[in-house]
Protein backbone atom coordinates (compact mmCIF):
# COMPACT_ATOMS: atom_id res chain seq x y z
CA MET A 1 392.58 42.14 256.65
CA GLY A 2 395.17 42.67 253.90
CA LYS A 3 395.01 39.02 252.89
CA MET A 4 391.23 39.03 252.93
CA PHE A 5 391.18 42.16 250.71
CA ARG A 6 393.54 40.56 248.20
CA TYR A 7 391.61 37.29 248.22
CA GLY A 8 388.31 39.16 247.82
CA SER A 9 389.67 41.25 244.92
CA ALA A 10 390.94 38.15 243.19
CA ALA A 11 387.54 36.47 243.54
CA LEU A 12 385.79 39.54 242.16
CA VAL A 13 388.06 39.67 239.10
CA LEU A 14 387.47 35.96 238.49
CA MET A 15 383.68 36.38 238.66
CA MET A 16 383.74 39.32 236.21
CA THR A 17 385.87 37.33 233.75
CA VAL A 18 383.43 34.42 233.83
CA PHE A 19 380.51 36.86 233.36
CA VAL A 20 382.07 38.42 230.23
CA ILE A 21 382.93 35.01 228.77
CA VAL A 22 379.36 33.77 229.22
CA LEU A 23 377.70 36.85 227.76
CA GLY A 24 380.19 37.27 224.96
CA PRO A 25 381.20 40.56 223.34
CA THR A 26 378.86 43.55 223.56
CA SER A 27 379.09 44.42 219.81
CA PHE A 28 376.01 43.85 217.67
CA ALA A 29 375.78 41.00 215.22
CA ASP A 30 375.92 41.64 211.47
CA PRO A 31 372.29 42.40 210.48
CA ASP A 32 372.82 40.54 207.23
CA SER A 33 373.37 37.31 209.15
CA GLU A 34 369.82 37.60 210.53
CA GLY A 35 368.28 38.46 207.18
CA THR A 36 367.00 41.82 208.45
CA GLY A 37 369.53 44.20 206.91
CA PRO A 38 370.03 45.40 203.38
CA ALA A 39 371.02 42.91 200.73
CA PRO A 40 374.74 42.68 199.91
CA ASN A 41 375.93 45.52 197.67
CA GLU A 42 372.47 47.09 197.80
CA THR A 43 373.96 50.56 198.09
CA THR A 44 375.75 50.03 194.79
CA LYS A 45 372.60 49.29 192.84
CA PRO A 46 371.79 52.00 190.28
CA ARG A 47 368.75 54.12 191.06
CA PRO A 48 365.80 53.99 188.68
CA THR A 49 366.08 56.66 186.03
CA ASP A 50 363.37 59.22 185.41
CA ALA A 51 361.22 57.78 182.64
CA ARG A 52 359.75 61.14 181.65
CA PRO A 53 360.92 62.26 178.21
CA SER A 54 362.93 65.43 177.88
CA PRO A 55 360.95 68.44 176.70
CA PRO A 56 361.28 69.08 172.96
CA PRO A 57 363.57 71.91 171.85
CA ASN A 58 362.09 75.28 170.99
CA SER A 59 362.30 74.63 167.25
CA ALA A 60 360.24 71.43 167.59
CA LEU A 61 357.62 72.78 169.97
CA ILE A 62 357.12 76.36 168.83
CA ARG A 63 356.02 75.76 165.26
CA PRO A 64 353.10 76.92 163.12
CA LEU A 65 349.97 74.86 163.65
CA PRO A 66 347.84 73.84 160.67
CA PRO A 67 344.31 75.21 160.35
CA VAL A 68 341.65 72.94 161.79
CA VAL A 69 339.09 71.85 159.20
CA PRO A 70 335.90 70.53 160.84
CA THR A 71 334.56 67.20 159.63
CA ALA A 72 331.36 65.29 160.20
CA THR A 73 331.47 63.18 163.36
CA ASN A 74 329.07 61.26 165.60
CA TRP A 75 329.70 63.62 168.53
CA VAL A 76 326.65 64.51 170.62
CA PRO A 77 326.35 67.03 173.47
CA LYS A 78 325.99 66.09 177.12
CA PHE A 79 323.17 67.23 179.39
CA PRO A 80 324.11 66.56 183.02
CA PHE A 81 322.04 68.20 185.75
CA PRO A 82 321.07 71.06 185.67
CA TYR A 83 321.62 71.28 181.90
CA ASP A 84 318.95 68.67 181.41
CA GLN A 85 316.59 71.46 182.48
CA THR A 86 317.75 73.76 179.66
CA LYS A 87 317.97 71.12 176.95
CA ASN A 88 314.90 72.52 175.20
CA GLN A 89 316.74 75.85 174.77
CA VAL A 90 319.69 74.30 172.91
CA THR A 91 319.60 74.86 169.14
CA ASP A 92 321.16 73.03 166.24
CA ALA A 93 323.57 75.97 165.90
CA ASP A 94 324.71 75.39 169.49
CA ILE A 95 325.36 71.72 168.83
CA ASN A 96 327.23 72.31 165.57
CA ALA A 97 329.32 75.06 167.16
CA GLU A 98 330.41 72.92 170.12
CA ARG A 99 331.00 69.90 167.90
CA GLU A 100 333.47 71.89 165.80
CA MET A 101 335.07 73.62 168.79
CA CYS A 102 335.67 70.20 170.33
CA GLN A 103 337.50 69.14 167.18
CA TRP A 104 339.82 72.10 167.57
CA TYR A 105 340.19 71.46 171.31
CA ASN A 106 341.13 67.80 170.86
CA ALA A 107 343.58 68.59 168.06
CA GLN A 108 345.41 71.69 169.26
CA TYR A 109 344.55 72.90 172.76
CA ASP A 110 347.28 70.93 174.56
CA VAL A 111 350.08 71.82 172.17
CA LEU A 112 349.04 75.48 172.15
CA ILE A 113 349.21 75.58 175.96
CA ASP A 114 352.68 73.98 175.84
CA GLN A 115 353.79 76.63 173.35
CA ILE A 116 352.46 79.44 175.54
CA ASP A 117 354.22 78.06 178.62
CA ARG A 118 357.50 77.67 176.75
CA VAL A 119 357.49 81.20 175.34
CA GLN A 120 356.45 82.67 178.68
CA PHE A 121 359.37 80.84 180.31
CA ASN A 122 361.84 81.84 177.62
CA ARG A 123 360.85 85.48 178.07
CA ILE A 124 361.75 85.53 181.76
CA GLU A 125 364.52 82.93 182.15
CA GLN A 126 367.96 84.02 183.31
CA ASN A 127 369.40 84.11 179.79
CA GLY A 128 366.20 85.44 178.24
CA PRO A 129 365.54 88.92 176.88
CA GLY A 130 366.01 90.75 180.18
CA VAL A 131 365.64 94.50 180.36
CA ARG A 132 367.67 96.96 178.33
CA ALA A 133 370.04 99.03 180.39
CA GLY A 134 368.64 102.37 181.43
CA SER A 135 365.11 101.90 180.14
CA GLY A 136 363.68 99.67 182.85
CA THR A 137 360.68 98.66 180.74
CA ASP A 138 361.81 97.97 177.17
CA TRP A 139 362.34 94.24 176.73
CA ASP A 140 364.99 93.14 174.24
CA TYR A 141 363.29 90.43 172.18
CA SER A 142 366.17 90.09 169.75
CA VAL A 143 367.95 87.75 172.20
CA ASP A 144 367.87 84.02 171.44
CA GLY A 145 365.16 84.37 168.79
CA ILE A 146 362.51 85.34 171.33
CA GLN A 147 360.70 87.60 168.86
CA GLN A 148 360.49 84.79 166.30
CA GLN A 149 358.97 82.53 168.96
CA VAL A 150 356.49 85.26 169.90
CA ASP A 151 355.51 85.71 166.24
CA VAL A 152 354.87 82.00 165.74
CA LEU A 153 352.98 81.65 169.01
CA THR A 154 350.72 84.66 168.55
CA ALA A 155 349.94 83.59 164.97
CA ASN A 156 348.82 80.21 166.36
CA ILE A 157 346.73 81.87 169.07
CA ASP A 158 345.14 84.25 166.58
CA GLN A 159 344.34 81.35 164.28
CA ALA A 160 342.60 79.60 167.19
CA VAL A 161 340.72 82.77 168.10
CA ASP A 162 339.60 83.20 164.47
CA PHE A 163 338.33 79.61 164.47
CA LEU A 164 336.49 79.98 167.77
CA THR A 165 335.00 83.45 167.17
CA PRO A 166 332.01 82.60 164.91
CA ARG A 167 331.31 79.47 166.95
CA VAL A 168 331.23 81.02 170.42
CA GLN A 169 329.16 83.86 169.00
CA ALA A 170 326.68 81.30 167.69
CA LEU A 171 326.09 79.91 171.19
CA THR A 172 322.74 80.70 172.74
CA GLN A 173 322.84 82.98 175.77
CA ARG A 174 319.88 83.52 178.05
CA ARG A 175 319.15 85.48 181.24
CA ASP A 176 318.02 83.84 184.45
CA PHE A 177 315.57 85.24 187.04
CA ALA A 178 318.38 87.32 188.58
CA GLY A 179 319.30 88.90 185.26
CA ASP A 180 322.57 86.96 184.88
CA ASN A 181 323.65 85.49 181.56
CA TYR A 182 323.91 81.72 181.18
CA PHE A 183 324.53 79.24 178.38
CA PRO A 184 321.92 76.48 178.00
CA LEU A 185 324.57 74.25 176.36
CA TYR A 186 326.88 72.35 178.72
CA GLN A 187 330.39 73.90 178.73
CA GLY A 188 329.29 76.69 176.42
CA ASP A 189 330.40 79.17 179.08
CA ASN A 190 333.90 77.71 179.30
CA PHE A 191 334.38 77.74 175.54
CA TYR A 192 333.35 81.39 175.60
CA LEU A 193 335.84 82.18 178.42
CA LEU A 194 338.57 80.22 176.64
CA TRP A 195 338.05 82.36 173.55
CA GLN A 196 338.11 85.61 175.53
CA HIS A 197 341.27 84.76 177.48
CA LEU A 198 343.11 83.52 174.38
CA SER A 199 342.46 86.84 172.68
CA ASN A 200 343.71 88.78 175.71
CA ALA A 201 346.80 86.59 176.06
CA SER A 202 347.73 87.14 172.40
CA ASN A 203 347.40 90.91 172.72
CA GLY A 204 349.53 90.95 175.86
CA ILE A 205 352.32 88.83 174.39
CA LYS A 206 352.37 90.87 171.18
CA ALA A 207 352.70 94.06 173.25
CA HIS A 208 355.68 92.52 175.10
CA GLN A 209 353.84 92.78 178.38
CA PRO A 210 355.72 91.03 181.20
CA ASP A 211 354.61 87.59 182.28
CA TRP A 212 353.01 88.87 185.47
CA PHE A 213 350.74 91.10 183.33
CA SER A 214 349.73 88.56 180.67
CA GLY A 215 349.80 85.69 183.18
CA PRO A 216 346.21 86.11 184.42
CA SER A 217 344.89 85.72 180.87
CA VAL A 218 346.98 82.59 180.41
CA LEU A 219 345.64 81.21 183.68
CA GLY A 220 342.12 81.98 182.48
CA VAL A 221 342.77 79.95 179.33
CA LYS A 222 344.06 77.03 181.40
CA ARG A 223 341.18 77.20 183.86
CA ALA A 224 338.52 77.14 181.14
CA GLY A 225 340.39 74.42 179.25
CA SER A 226 340.67 72.32 182.40
CA HIS A 227 336.92 72.54 182.99
CA ILE A 228 336.28 71.40 179.42
CA ASN A 229 338.71 68.52 179.82
CA ARG A 230 337.29 67.30 183.13
CA SER A 231 333.74 67.51 181.82
CA HIS A 232 334.56 64.96 179.05
CA VAL A 233 332.25 66.95 176.81
CA CYS A 234 334.67 66.58 173.88
CA HIS A 235 335.41 62.90 174.40
């Protein structure tokens, strides 16, 4: 029995050796040799850089804006449904008012929004004005030229409000069967809201109201401006 056990063990070892030699090593092949892995030195390739330009410094962005002087253009109003039903209520004063408001919108709306966002951010950032010790409510606008930025920004907003005021007031307003006001001219309502919210935002920023207080007016400006943009009424 002892001899048979030794002979059997020897045969088993021999069979296992042959099995390993036939199958080869159990390690995986280099994926590159099959063309399925990453290219050589791929991990060392530089990543694409962000192509977006850096935001301009405060001094370049927050600057006085020139007055907008309306000029004659070939702009015409749009009358999508249901405004095609109120077209007969639109006056020449409506058309001239929106034509000139569109000139302001195309020239200065975007940059004015960028200025508002920058000043709002500068007012609340970590190194911004903060709150004076002990007062809890009195914001120190002497830090980092915040007050100068506020002065420039609110002057620009007030200039826009002054430009828009006679024009939005010239827009025709009517009442529907339910007694609600409406503007027969397409996007007349959003120009009116834009004017209202700009005025409120300027007053809030001048009064050093915190961002959470003046923020709703700023959002109202952006919402009305977005509707005007997506309507293509000024294009």
